[in-house]
N, C-alpha and C. Protein backbone atom coordinates (compact mmCIF):
# COMPACT_ATOMS: atom_id res chain seq x y z
N MET A 1 -20.59 0.82 0.16
CA MET A 1 -19.31 0.82 -0.71
C MET A 1 -18.33 2.29 -0.68
N TYR A 2 -17.63 2.31 -0.09
CA TYR A 2 -16.31 3.52 0.20
C TYR A 2 -15.81 3.35 -1.31
N ASP A 3 -15.45 4.50 -2.44
CA ASP A 3 -14.70 4.84 -3.41
C ASP A 3 -13.56 5.89 -2.34
N THR A 4 -12.70 5.03 -2.63
CA THR A 4 -11.44 5.67 -3.31
C THR A 4 -10.31 6.62 -4.16
N ASP A 5 -10.15 8.05 -3.09
CA ASP A 5 -9.41 8.90 -4.26
C ASP A 5 -8.86 8.63 -5.15
N SER A 6 -9.36 8.65 -6.40
CA SER A 6 -8.00 8.18 -7.29
C SER A 6 -6.99 9.20 -7.72
N ASP A 7 -6.86 10.54 -6.64
CA ASP A 7 -5.35 10.84 -7.03
C ASP A 7 -3.95 10.69 -7.26
N SER A 8 -3.65 10.26 -8.13
CA SER A 8 -2.34 9.94 -8.26
C SER A 8 -1.04 11.10 -8.06
N ASP A 9 -1.68 12.16 -7.49
CA ASP A 9 -0.45 13.24 -6.97
C ASP A 9 -0.58 13.04 -5.70
N GLY A 10 0.80 12.81 -5.14
CA GLY A 10 1.19 12.70 -3.39
C GLY A 10 0.87 11.55 -2.51
N GLU A 11 1.12 10.86 -2.07
CA GLU A 11 1.38 9.98 -1.20
C GLU A 11 0.20 8.51 -0.78
N SER A 12 0.98 7.63 -1.47
CA SER A 12 -0.14 6.56 -0.31
C SER A 12 0.81 5.89 0.82
N THR A 13 -0.28 5.24 1.11
CA THR A 13 -0.22 4.10 2.19
C THR A 13 -0.53 2.73 1.97
N TYR A 14 0.88 2.01 2.06
CA TYR A 14 1.27 0.79 1.73
C TYR A 14 0.90 0.12 2.83
N GLU A 15 0.98 -1.68 2.89
CA GLU A 15 0.65 -2.04 4.00
C GLU A 15 1.17 -3.71 2.92
N CYS A 16 2.45 -4.21 4.33
CA CYS A 16 3.25 -5.52 4.11
C CYS A 16 1.65 -6.39 3.71
N LEU A 17 1.68 -7.70 2.58
CA LEU A 17 0.78 -8.26 2.66
C LEU A 17 1.06 -9.44 3.97
N ASN A 18 1.75 -10.01 4.04
CA ASN A 18 2.91 -10.93 5.23
C ASN A 18 3.17 -10.37 6.39
N CYS A 19 3.94 -9.05 6.94
CA CYS A 19 4.68 -8.63 8.14
C CYS A 19 3.02 -7.48 8.48
N GLY A 20 2.41 -6.83 7.90
CA GLY A 20 2.27 -6.37 8.57
C GLY A 20 2.54 -4.26 8.52
N ARG A 21 3.70 -4.44 7.63
CA ARG A 21 4.65 -3.41 7.96
C ARG A 21 3.88 -2.26 6.84
N ILE A 22 3.68 -1.26 7.25
CA ILE A 22 3.00 -0.02 7.11
C ILE A 22 4.25 1.28 6.72
N VAL A 23 4.42 1.82 5.17
CA VAL A 23 5.38 2.37 4.42
C VAL A 23 3.98 3.80 3.42
N THR A 24 4.91 4.47 4.01
CA THR A 24 4.40 5.54 2.91
C THR A 24 5.02 6.10 1.60
N ALA A 25 4.53 6.24 0.82
CA ALA A 25 5.54 6.52 -0.88
C ALA A 25 4.41 7.17 -1.62
N GLU A 26 5.14 7.35 -2.38
CA GLU A 26 4.43 8.74 -3.89
C GLU A 26 4.50 7.58 -4.74
N SER A 27 4.73 6.42 -5.36
CA SER A 27 4.89 5.21 -6.12
C SER A 27 5.07 3.67 -5.47
N TYR A 28 4.39 3.06 -5.77
CA TYR A 28 4.18 1.43 -5.19
C TYR A 28 5.42 0.95 -4.78
N PRO A 29 6.20 0.63 -3.38
CA PRO A 29 7.30 0.02 -3.05
C PRO A 29 8.22 -1.15 -3.68
N GLY A 30 7.37 -1.89 -3.93
CA GLY A 30 7.69 -3.42 -4.31
C GLY A 30 7.41 -4.13 -2.91
N THR A 31 8.95 -4.80 -2.34
CA THR A 31 8.49 -5.59 -1.84
C THR A 31 9.26 -4.76 -0.95
N CYS A 32 8.45 -5.81 0.89
CA CYS A 32 8.88 -4.82 1.77
C CYS A 32 10.06 -5.31 2.74
N SER A 33 11.15 -4.90 2.84
CA SER A 33 12.16 -4.89 3.14
C SER A 33 12.53 -5.66 4.42
N GLU A 34 11.34 -5.69 5.16
CA GLU A 34 11.26 -6.96 6.22
C GLU A 34 11.58 -8.03 6.18
N CYS A 35 10.09 -8.59 4.96
CA CYS A 35 10.03 -9.82 5.17
C CYS A 35 10.42 -10.49 3.80
N GLY A 36 10.37 -9.42 2.54
CA GLY A 36 10.22 -9.98 0.86
C GLY A 36 9.01 -10.11 0.43
N SER A 37 7.81 -9.54 1.29
CA SER A 37 6.75 -10.13 0.92
C SER A 37 5.86 -8.46 -0.14
N GLU A 38 4.95 -8.87 -0.99
CA GLU A 38 4.68 -7.40 -1.63
C GLU A 38 3.30 -6.82 -1.00
N PHE A 39 3.67 -5.83 -1.27
CA PHE A 39 2.95 -4.23 -0.17
C PHE A 39 1.88 -4.50 -1.26
N ARG A 40 0.89 -3.89 -0.70
CA ARG A 40 -0.63 -3.30 -1.27
C ARG A 40 -0.88 -2.46 -0.80
N ASN A 41 -1.54 -1.51 -1.86
CA ASN A 41 -2.29 0.24 -1.25
C ASN A 41 -3.19 -0.31 -0.57
N ARG A 42 -3.24 0.75 0.98
CA ARG A 42 -4.83 0.45 1.53
C ARG A 42 -5.48 0.78 1.29
N GLY A 43 -5.92 2.34 0.34
CA GLY A 43 -7.00 2.32 -0.15
C GLY A 43 -7.41 1.86 -0.71
N THR A 44 -7.11 0.58 -1.69
CA THR A 44 -8.05 -0.36 -1.86
C THR A 44 -8.79 -1.19 -1.13
N MET A 45 -10.15 -1.29 -1.38
CA MET A 45 -10.99 -2.74 -0.47
C MET A 45 -10.41 -3.60 -0.99
N ILE A 46 -10.68 -4.34 0.74
CA ILE A 46 -10.53 -6.31 -0.07
C ILE A 46 -11.91 -6.77 0.22
N GLU A 47 -12.18 -7.09 -0.69
CA GLU A 47 -13.29 -7.77 -0.59
C GLU A 47 -13.69 -9.00 0.10
């Protein structure tokens, strides 16, 4: 299993759970402007 850095300083990459749009932001971007679905942090493992 891989651990991600918990460094809250700087930008993270987020991916839309519905359409796959990828954005980079310093804080959680909320909902996707393309489809309205939620983003997830790509650094978080999905089990």
